[in-house]
């Protein structure tokens, strides 16, 4: 498979996008764990499920745009 030709700007944009997706995903997991530890989601299970679904859809759309 031939390597695609990327300009410096395109490569920087791709690296920034991948970093942002990974950082926001890790931050979301951290906040969910902290919220679970402090019983924030105890009575909000539907809200937590909605957040998880939204995160999966957002990550999927962002990663699909990279392909």
Protein backbone atom coordinates (compact mmCIF):
# COMPACT_ATOMS: atom_id res chain seq x y z
CA UNK A 1 0.00 0.00 0.00
CA UNK A 2 1.37 3.38 -0.98
CA UNK A 3 1.80 6.03 1.69
CA UNK A 4 -0.47 9.05 1.10
CA UNK A 5 1.22 12.36 0.37
CA UNK A 6 0.50 14.76 3.21
CA UNK A 7 1.62 18.33 3.51
CA UNK A 8 3.02 19.56 6.81
CA UNK A 9 -0.25 21.32 7.61
CA UNK A 10 -2.33 18.22 6.88
CA UNK A 11 -0.04 16.04 8.99
CA UNK A 12 -0.23 18.51 11.87
CA UNK A 13 -4.03 18.66 11.58
CA UNK A 14 -4.25 14.86 11.57
CA UNK A 15 -1.98 14.58 14.62
CA UNK A 16 -3.96 17.26 16.48
CA UNK A 17 -7.26 15.55 15.67
CA UNK A 18 -6.06 12.15 16.86
CA UNK A 19 -4.62 13.70 20.02
CA UNK A 20 -7.84 15.60 20.76
CA UNK A 21 -10.02 12.52 20.28
CA UNK A 22 -7.79 10.47 22.58
CA UNK A 23 -7.52 13.24 25.19
CA UNK A 24 -11.26 13.96 25.32
CA UNK A 25 -12.04 10.25 25.49
CA UNK A 26 -9.60 9.75 28.37
CA UNK A 27 -10.97 12.82 30.15
CA UNK A 28 -14.52 11.52 29.74
CA UNK A 29 -13.57 8.14 31.20
CA UNK A 30 -11.82 9.84 34.11
CA UNK A 31 -14.82 12.04 34.86
CA UNK A 32 -17.17 9.07 34.63
CA UNK A 33 -15.02 7.09 37.08
CA UNK A 34 -14.83 10.03 39.50
CA UNK A 35 -18.58 10.55 39.21
CA UNK A 36 -19.15 6.87 39.92
CA UNK A 37 -16.84 6.97 42.94
CA UNK A 38 -18.77 9.87 44.43
CA UNK A 39 -22.19 8.30 43.69
CA UNK A 40 -23.18 11.06 41.27
CA UNK A 41 -24.70 8.58 38.82
CA UNK A 42 -26.38 6.44 41.46
CA UNK A 43 -29.86 7.70 40.60
CA UNK A 44 -28.98 8.81 37.07
CA UNK A 45 -28.34 5.56 35.21
CA UNK A 46 -30.25 6.69 32.10
CA UNK A 47 -28.16 9.87 31.98
CA UNK A 48 -24.95 7.86 32.22
CA UNK A 49 -26.11 5.50 29.45
CA UNK A 50 -26.92 8.51 27.27
CA UNK A 51 -23.46 9.99 27.85
CA UNK A 52 -21.81 6.68 26.96
CA UNK A 53 -23.85 6.39 23.76
CA UNK A 54 -23.05 9.98 22.82
CA UNK A 55 -19.34 9.42 23.42
CA UNK A 56 -19.32 6.28 21.27
CA UNK A 57 -21.15 8.02 18.42
CA UNK A 58 -18.89 11.09 18.59
CA UNK A 59 -15.70 9.02 18.63
CA UNK A 60 -16.98 6.86 15.78
CA UNK A 61 -17.84 9.85 13.63
CA UNK A 62 -14.49 11.50 14.27
CA UNK A 63 -12.51 8.36 13.56
CA UNK A 64 -14.59 7.63 10.44
CA UNK A 65 -13.67 11.06 9.12
CA UNK A 66 -9.99 10.15 9.40
CA UNK A 67 -10.33 7.08 7.20
